[in-house]
Amino acid sequence: MLSFELKSPASSGVADQLEIILDSAGLEALIAQLRFLKEGRTDHVHLMSEAWGDTHLSKGPQTPANTTIHSVKIYRR
C-alpha cells in the first residue's frame, strides 16, 4: 500500500501538507521507482491509482479526513 494524501487543513481551508503513507510493500515499490531515477534509467517516474489506470497508489485515503492524490510524478533534474 502506497498513498499520497493532502492533509485536511485545521483552520486555513487550504490543504498544504502532503502525507505519504505506506506499508512494507509500498516502501519497496517506492524504493524501486526511485532506484530507476538514481540509475538514470528514466528522467521521471509516474505513480497512479487504479482509478487513473495503474496500481502503484491506493484507491482511497488511509486517513479519512485526507484527500487522495491519484497521480504523482517524480522528476530527476
PDB file of N, CA and C in Angstrom:
ATOM      1  N   MET A   1       0.849  -1.162   0.000  1.00  0.00           N
ATOM      2  CA  MET A   1       0.000   0.000   0.000  1.00  0.00           C
ATOM      3  C   MET A   1       0.900   1.231   0.000  1.00  0.00           C
ATOM      4  N   LEU A   2       0.611   2.134  -0.897  1.00  0.00           N
ATOM      5  CA  LEU A   2       1.315   3.400  -1.011  1.00  0.00           C
ATOM      6  C   LEU A   2       0.280   4.470  -1.294  1.00  0.00           C
ATOM      7  N   SER A   3       0.242   5.476  -0.445  1.00  0.00           N
ATOM      8  CA  SER A   3      -0.770   6.518  -0.592  1.00  0.00           C
ATOM      9  C   SER A   3      -0.141   7.894  -0.392  1.00  0.00           C
ATOM     10  N   PHE A   4      -0.369   8.775  -1.352  1.00  0.00           N
ATOM     11  CA  PHE A   4      -0.004  10.181  -1.232  1.00  0.00           C
ATOM     12  C   PHE A   4      -1.304  10.922  -0.960  1.00  0.00           C
ATOM     13  N   GLU A   5      -1.329  11.709   0.113  1.00  0.00           N
ATOM     14  CA  GLU A   5      -2.565  12.361   0.524  1.00  0.00           C
ATOM     15  C   GLU A   5      -2.315  13.803   0.936  1.00  0.00           C
ATOM     16  N   LEU A   6      -3.293  14.655   0.615  1.00  0.00           N
ATOM     17  CA  LEU A   6      -3.260  16.025   1.113  1.00  0.00           C
ATOM     18  C   LEU A   6      -3.940  16.027   2.463  1.00  0.00           C
ATOM     19  N   LYS A   7      -3.226  16.557   3.457  1.00  0.00           N
ATOM     20  CA  LYS A   7      -3.756  16.589   4.807  1.00  0.00           C
ATOM     21  C   LYS A   7      -4.844  17.637   4.911  1.00  0.00           C
ATOM     22  N   SER A   8      -5.927  17.252   5.526  1.00  0.00           N
ATOM     23  CA  SER A   8      -7.041  18.176   5.729  1.00  0.00           C
ATOM     24  C   SER A   8      -6.579  19.317   6.633  1.00  0.00           C
ATOM     25  N   PRO A   9      -6.781  20.560   6.202  1.00  0.00           N
ATOM     26  CA  PRO A   9      -6.300  21.700   6.986  1.00  0.00           C
ATOM     27  C   PRO A   9      -7.102  21.879   8.274  1.00  0.00           C
ATOM     28  N   ALA A  10      -6.411  22.295   9.303  1.00  0.00           N
ATOM     29  CA  ALA A  10      -7.071  22.520  10.592  1.00  0.00           C
ATOM     30  C   ALA A  10      -7.935  23.770  10.549  1.00  0.00           C
ATOM     31  N   SER A  11      -7.385  24.862  10.023  1.00  0.00           N
ATOM     32  CA  SER A  11      -8.158  26.102  10.057  1.00  0.00           C
ATOM     33  C   SER A  11      -8.004  26.970   8.821  1.00  0.00           C
ATOM     34  N   SER A  12      -6.945  26.769   8.052  1.00  0.00           N
ATOM     35  CA  SER A  12      -6.660  27.669   6.930  1.00  0.00           C
ATOM     36  C   SER A  12      -7.588  27.458   5.747  1.00  0.00           C
ATOM     37  N   GLY A  13      -8.166  26.268   5.602  1.00  0.00           N
ATOM     38  CA  GLY A  13      -9.017  25.984   4.458  1.00  0.00           C
ATOM     39  C   GLY A  13      -8.246  25.565   3.223  1.00  0.00           C
ATOM     40  N   VAL A  14      -6.903  25.572   3.293  1.00  0.00           N
ATOM     41  CA  VAL A  14      -6.069  25.202   2.159  1.00  0.00           C
ATOM     42  C   VAL A  14      -5.234  23.981   2.550  1.00  0.00           C
ATOM     43  N   ALA A  15      -5.403  22.900   1.819  1.00  0.00           N
ATOM     44  CA  ALA A  15      -4.598  21.707   2.075  1.00  0.00           C
ATOM     45  C   ALA A  15      -3.196  21.961   1.557  1.00  0.00           C
ATOM     46  N   ASP A  16      -2.244  22.130   2.459  1.00  0.00           N
ATOM     47  CA  ASP A  16      -0.888  22.474   2.042  1.00  0.00           C
ATOM     48  C   ASP A  16       0.159  21.532   2.640  1.00  0.00           C
ATOM     49  N   GLN A  17      -0.283  20.364   3.079  1.00  0.00           N
ATOM     50  CA  GLN A  17       0.645  19.383   3.624  1.00  0.00           C
ATOM     51  C   GLN A  17       0.430  18.043   2.933  1.00  0.00           C
ATOM     52  N   LEU A  18       1.533  17.426   2.545  1.00  0.00           N
ATOM     53  CA  LEU A  18       1.498  16.118   1.902  1.00  0.00           C
ATOM     54  C   LEU A  18       1.864  15.057   2.929  1.00  0.00           C
ATOM     55  N   GLU A  19       1.068  14.009   2.986  1.00  0.00           N
ATOM     56  CA  GLU A  19       1.398  12.850   3.806  1.00  0.00           C
ATOM     57  C   GLU A  19       1.602  11.658   2.882  1.00  0.00           C
ATOM     58  N   ILE A  20       2.675  10.914   3.111  1.00  0.00           N
ATOM     59  CA  ILE A  20       2.943   9.692   2.371  1.00  0.00           C
ATOM     60  C   ILE A  20       2.790   8.553   3.362  1.00  0.00           C
ATOM     61  N   ILE A  21       1.850   7.664   3.076  1.00  0.00           N
ATOM     62  CA  ILE A  21       1.533   6.565   3.976  1.00  0.00           C
ATOM     63  C   ILE A  21       1.806   5.270   3.227  1.00  0.00           C
ATOM     64  N   LEU A  22       2.581   4.369   3.832  1.00  0.00           N
ATOM     65  CA  LEU A  22       2.943   3.135   3.146  1.00  0.00           C
ATOM     66  C   LEU A  22       3.168   2.001   4.117  1.00  0.00           C
ATOM     67  N   ASP A  23       3.072   0.789   3.598  1.00  0.00           N
ATOM     68  CA  ASP A  23       3.441  -0.401   4.347  1.00  0.00           C
ATOM     69  C   ASP A  23       4.749  -0.917   3.745  1.00  0.00           C
ATOM     70  N   SER A  24       5.190  -2.092   4.168  1.00  0.00           N
ATOM     71  CA  SER A  24       6.473  -2.633   3.677  1.00  0.00           C
ATOM     72  C   SER A  24       6.490  -2.801   2.160  1.00  0.00           C
ATOM     73  N   ALA A  25       5.394  -3.312   1.603  1.00  0.00           N
ATOM     74  CA  ALA A  25       5.324  -3.497   0.147  1.00  0.00           C
ATOM     75  C   ALA A  25       5.343  -2.157  -0.572  1.00  0.00           C
ATOM     76  N   GLY A  26       4.632  -1.171  -0.036  1.00  0.00           N
ATOM     77  CA  GLY A  26       4.628   0.160  -0.628  1.00  0.00           C
ATOM     78  C   GLY A  26       5.992   0.811  -0.564  1.00  0.00           C
ATOM     79  N   LEU A  27       6.693   0.601   0.542  1.00  0.00           N
ATOM     80  CA  LEU A  27       8.056   1.141   0.676  1.00  0.00           C
ATOM     81  C   LEU A  27       8.972   0.527  -0.364  1.00  0.00           C
ATOM     82  N   GLU A  28       8.887  -0.781  -0.541  1.00  0.00           N
ATOM     83  CA  GLU A  28       9.718  -1.447  -1.550  1.00  0.00           C
ATOM     84  C   GLU A  28       9.389  -0.955  -2.956  1.00  0.00           C
ATOM     85  N   ALA A  29       8.101  -0.756  -3.249  1.00  0.00           N
ATOM     86  CA  ALA A  29       7.695  -0.260  -4.570  1.00  0.00           C
ATOM     87  C   ALA A  29       8.229   1.151  -4.809  1.00  0.00           C
ATOM     88  N   LEU A  30       8.154   2.003  -3.797  1.00  0.00           N
ATOM     89  CA  LEU A  30       8.660   3.372  -3.935  1.00  0.00           C
ATOM     90  C   LEU A  30      10.176   3.374  -4.106  1.00  0.00           C
ATOM     91  N   ILE A  31      10.869   2.557  -3.328  1.00  0.00           N
ATOM     92  CA  ILE A  31      12.329   2.454  -3.467  1.00  0.00           C
ATOM     93  C   ILE A  31      12.697   1.986  -4.874  1.00  0.00           C
ATOM     94  N   ALA A  32      11.964   1.021  -5.411  1.00  0.00           N
ATOM     95  CA  ALA A  32      12.245   0.522  -6.765  1.00  0.00           C
ATOM     96  C   ALA A  32      12.088   1.629  -7.798  1.00  0.00           C
ATOM     97  N   GLN A  33      11.039   2.427  -7.672  1.00  0.00           N
ATOM     98  CA  GLN A  33      10.816   3.530  -8.609  1.00  0.00           C
ATOM     99  C   GLN A  33      11.921   4.585  -8.478  1.00  0.00           C
ATOM    100  N   LEU A  34      12.307   4.897  -7.254  1.00  0.00           N
ATOM    101  CA  LEU A  34      13.377   5.878  -7.037  1.00  0.00           C
ATOM    102  C   LEU A  34      14.721   5.351  -7.539  1.00  0.00           C
ATOM    103  N   ARG A  35      14.897   4.040  -7.469  1.00  0.00           N
ATOM    104  CA  ARG A  35      16.130   3.435  -7.985  1.00  0.00           C
ATOM    105  C   ARG A  35      16.236   3.647  -9.505  1.00  0.00           C
ATOM    106  N   PHE A  36      15.102   3.565 -10.222  1.00  0.00           N
ATOM    107  CA  PHE A  36      15.119   3.864 -11.660  1.00  0.00           C
ATOM    108  C   PHE A  36      15.685   5.256 -11.906  1.00  0.00           C
ATOM    109  N   LEU A  37      15.269   6.216 -11.091  1.00  0.00           N
ATOM    110  CA  LEU A  37      15.772   7.583 -11.234  1.00  0.00           C
ATOM    111  C   LEU A  37      17.257   7.654 -10.908  1.00  0.00           C
ATOM    112  N   LYS A  38      17.639   7.044  -9.810  1.00  0.00           N
ATOM    113  CA  LYS A  38      19.040   7.087  -9.366  1.00  0.00           C
ATOM    114  C   LYS A  38      19.969   6.495 -10.417  1.00  0.00           C
ATOM    115  N   GLU A  39      19.533   5.399 -11.028  1.00  0.00           N
ATOM    116  CA  GLU A  39      20.368   4.718 -12.022  1.00  0.00           C
ATOM    117  C   GLU A  39      20.323   5.379 -13.392  1.00  0.00           C
ATOM    118  N   GLY A  40      19.529   6.438 -13.549  1.00  0.00           N
ATOM    119  CA  GLY A  40      19.445   7.145 -14.819  1.00  0.00           C
ATOM    120  C   GLY A  40      18.663   6.396 -15.885  1.00  0.00           C
ATOM    121  N   ARG A  41      17.860   5.406 -15.482  1.00  0.00           N
ATOM    122  CA  ARG A  41      17.083   4.627 -16.455  1.00  0.00           C
ATOM    123  C   ARG A  41      15.903   5.419 -16.990  1.00  0.00           C
ATOM    124  N   THR A  42      15.552   6.497 -16.322  1.00  0.00           N
ATOM    125  CA  THR A  42      14.475   7.380 -16.756  1.00  0.00           C
ATOM    126  C   THR A  42      14.695   8.751 -16.122  1.00  0.00           C
ATOM    127  N   ASP A  43      14.017   9.769 -16.639  1.00  0.00           N
ATOM    128  CA  ASP A  43      14.141  11.096 -16.030  1.00  0.00           C
ATOM    129  C   ASP A  43      12.970  11.402 -15.107  1.00  0.00           C
ATOM    130  N   HIS A  44      11.970  10.483 -15.090  1.00  0.00           N
ATOM    131  CA  HIS A  44      10.841  10.648 -14.173  1.00  0.00           C
ATOM    132  C   HIS A  44      10.113   9.323 -13.979  1.00  0.00           C
ATOM    133  N   VAL A  45       9.409   9.233 -12.873  1.00  0.00           N
ATOM    134  CA  VAL A  45       8.511   8.097 -12.650  1.00  0.00           C
ATOM    135  C   VAL A  45       7.118   8.659 -12.421  1.00  0.00           C
ATOM    136  N   HIS A  46       6.138   7.901 -12.836  1.00  0.00           N
ATOM    137  CA  HIS A  46       4.745   8.337 -12.737  1.00  0.00           C
ATOM    138  C   HIS A  46       3.986   7.264 -11.977  1.00  0.00           C
ATOM    139  N   LEU A  47       3.491   7.616 -10.812  1.00  0.00           N
ATOM    140  CA  LEU A  47       2.721   6.701  -9.979  1.00  0.00           C
ATOM    141  C   LEU A  47       1.260   7.119 -10.052  1.00  0.00           C
ATOM    142  N   MET A  48       0.367   6.137 -10.242  1.00  0.00           N
ATOM    143  CA  MET A  48      -1.060   6.455 -10.333  1.00  0.00           C
ATOM    144  C   MET A  48      -1.868   5.417  -9.562  1.00  0.00           C
ATOM    145  N   SER A  49      -3.060   5.831  -9.188  1.00  0.00           N
ATOM    146  CA  SER A  49      -4.001   4.908  -8.558  1.00  0.00           C
ATOM    147  C   SER A  49      -4.703   4.080  -9.630  1.00  0.00           C
ATOM    148  N   GLU A  50      -5.383   3.049  -9.187  1.00  0.00           N
ATOM    149  CA  GLU A  50      -6.143   2.213 -10.119  1.00  0.00           C
ATOM    150  C   GLU A  50      -7.197   3.033 -10.862  1.00  0.00           C
ATOM    151  N   ALA A  51      -7.797   3.990 -10.173  1.00  0.00           N
ATOM    152  CA  ALA A  51      -8.813   4.845 -10.792  1.00  0.00           C
ATOM    153  C   ALA A  51      -8.235   5.645 -11.958  1.00  0.00           C
ATOM    154  N   TRP A  52      -6.918   5.839 -11.956  1.00  0.00           N
ATOM    155  CA  TRP A  52      -6.267   6.593 -13.021  1.00  0.00           C
ATOM    156  C   TRP A  52      -5.461   5.699 -13.950  1.00  0.00           C
ATOM    157  N   GLY A  53      -5.641   4.371 -13.848  1.00  0.00           N
ATOM    158  CA  GLY A  53      -5.050   3.469 -14.823  1.00  0.00           C
ATOM    159  C   GLY A  53      -3.824   2.701 -14.394  1.00  0.00           C
ATOM    160  N   ASP A  54      -3.475   2.710 -13.129  1.00  0.00           N
ATOM    161  CA  ASP A  54      -2.301   1.969 -12.674  1.00  0.00           C
ATOM    162  C   ASP A  54      -2.604   1.379 -11.301  1.00  0.00           C
ATOM    163  N   THR A  55      -1.630   0.778 -10.681  1.00  0.00           N
ATOM    164  CA  THR A  55      -1.867   0.153  -9.384  1.00  0.00           C
ATOM    165  C   THR A  55      -0.833   0.543  -8.334  1.00  0.00           C
ATOM    166  N   HIS A  56      -0.004   1.535  -8.622  1.00  0.00           N
ATOM    167  CA  HIS A  56       1.019   1.924  -7.640  1.00  0.00           C
ATOM    168  C   HIS A  56       0.417   2.555  -6.393  1.00  0.00           C
ATOM    169  N   LEU A  57      -0.588   3.395  -6.560  1.00  0.00           N
ATOM    170  CA  LEU A  57      -1.131   4.146  -5.428  1.00  0.00           C
ATOM    171  C   LEU A  57      -2.477   3.592  -4.985  1.00  0.00           C
ATOM    172  N   SER A  58      -2.753   3.751  -3.708  1.00  0.00           N
ATOM    173  CA  SER A  58      -4.030   3.293  -3.145  1.00  0.00           C
ATOM    174  C   SER A  58      -5.194   4.051  -3.756  1.00  0.00           C
ATOM    175  N   LYS A  59      -6.364   3.396  -3.778  1.00  0.00           N
ATOM    176  CA  LYS A  59      -7.577   3.994  -4.353  1.00  0.00           C
ATOM    177  C   LYS A  59      -8.113   5.144  -3.512  1.00  0.00           C
ATOM    178  N   GLY A  60      -8.066   4.987  -2.207  1.00  0.00           N
ATOM    179  CA  GLY A  60      -8.660   5.985  -1.315  1.00  0.00           C
ATOM    180  C   GLY A  60      -7.701   6.359  -0.211  1.00  0.00           C
ATOM    181  N   PRO A  61      -8.054   7.394   0.532  1.00  0.00           N
ATOM    182  CA  PRO A  61      -7.163   7.861   1.595  1.00  0.00           C
ATOM    183  C   PRO A  61      -7.074   6.854   2.742  1.00  0.00           C
ATOM    184  N   GLN A  62      -5.919   6.760   3.345  1.00  0.00           N
ATOM    185  CA  GLN A  62      -5.721   5.917   4.517  1.00  0.00           C
ATOM    186  C   GLN A  62      -6.144   6.650   5.789  1.00  0.00           C
ATOM    187  N   THR A  63      -6.145   7.970   5.708  1.00  0.00           N
ATOM    188  CA  THR A  63      -6.642   8.818   6.785  1.00  0.00           C
ATOM    189  C   THR A  63      -7.935   9.438   6.277  1.00  0.00           C
ATOM    190  N   PRO A  64      -9.074   9.088   6.855  1.00  0.00           N
ATOM    191  CA  PRO A  64     -10.373   9.502   6.308  1.00  0.00           C
ATOM    192  C   PRO A  64     -10.540  10.996   6.037  1.00  0.00           C
ATOM    193  N   ALA A  65      -9.924  11.843   6.818  1.00  0.00           N
ATOM    194  CA  ALA A  65     -10.089  13.283   6.621  1.00  0.00           C
ATOM    195  C   ALA A  65      -9.226  13.822   5.476  1.00  0.00           C
ATOM    196  N   ASN A  66      -8.298  13.016   4.980  1.00  0.00           N
ATOM    197  CA  ASN A  66      -7.396  13.462   3.922  1.00  0.00           C
ATOM    198  C   ASN A  66      -8.006  13.279   2.541  1.00  0.00           C
ATOM    199  N   THR A  67      -7.351  13.885   1.535  1.00  0.00           N
ATOM    200  CA  THR A  67      -7.763  13.773   0.144  1.00  0.00           C
ATOM    201  C   THR A  67      -6.717  12.970  -0.620  1.00  0.00           C
ATOM    202  N   THR A  68      -7.159  11.952  -1.336  1.00  0.00           N
ATOM    203  CA  THR A  68      -6.257  11.112  -2.119  1.00  0.00           C
ATOM    204  C   THR A  68      -5.676  11.877  -3.297  1.00  0.00           C
ATOM    205  N   ILE A  69      -4.401  11.675  -3.541  1.00  0.00           N
ATOM    206  CA  ILE A  69      -3.752  12.172  -4.747  1.00  0.00           C
ATOM    207  C   ILE A  69      -3.637  10.971  -5.678  1.00  0.00           C
ATOM    208  N   HIS A  70      -4.236  11.044  -6.849  1.00  0.00           N
ATOM    209  CA  HIS A  70      -4.305   9.900  -7.760  1.00  0.00           C
ATOM    210  C   HIS A  70      -3.141   9.820  -8.742  1.00  0.00           C
ATOM    211  N   SER A  71      -2.358  10.881  -8.860  1.00  0.00           N
ATOM    212  CA  SER A  71      -1.259  10.886  -9.810  1.00  0.00           C
ATOM    213  C   SER A  71      -0.085  11.657  -9.211  1.00  0.00           C
ATOM    214  N   VAL A  72       1.079  10.999  -9.184  1.00  0.00           N
ATOM    215  CA  VAL A  72       2.298  11.623  -8.659  1.00  0.00           C
ATOM    216  C   VAL A  72       3.400  11.405  -9.685  1.00  0.00           C
ATOM    217  N   LYS A  73       4.044  12.479 -10.092  1.00  0.00           N
ATOM    218  CA  LYS A  73       5.225  12.394 -10.962  1.00  0.00           C
ATOM    219  C   LYS A  73       6.423  12.881 -10.157  1.00  0.00           C
ATOM    220  N   ILE A  74       7.510  12.112 -10.226  1.00  0.00           N
ATOM    221  CA  ILE A  74       8.745  12.477  -9.555  1.00  0.00           C
ATOM    222  C   ILE A  74       9.805  12.624 -10.639  1.00  0.00           C
ATOM    223  N   TYR A  75      10.379  13.815 -10.750  1.00  0.00           N
ATOM    224  CA  TYR A  75      11.350  14.136 -11.797  1.00  0.00           C
ATOM    225  C   TYR A  75      12.763  14.202 -11.230  1.00  0.00           C
ATOM    226  N   ARG A  76      13.711  13.772 -12.036  1.00  0.00           N
ATOM    227  CA  ARG A  76      15.121  13.949 -11.694  1.00  0.00           C
ATOM    228  C   ARG A  76      15.678  15.028 -12.598  1.00  0.00           C
ATOM    229  N   ARG A  77      16.255  16.019 -12.018  1.00  0.00           N
ATOM    230  CA  ARG A  77      16.867  17.122 -12.797  1.00  0.00           C
ATOM    231  C   ARG A  77      18.360  17.127 -12.640  1.00  0.00           C
TER     232      ARG A  77
END
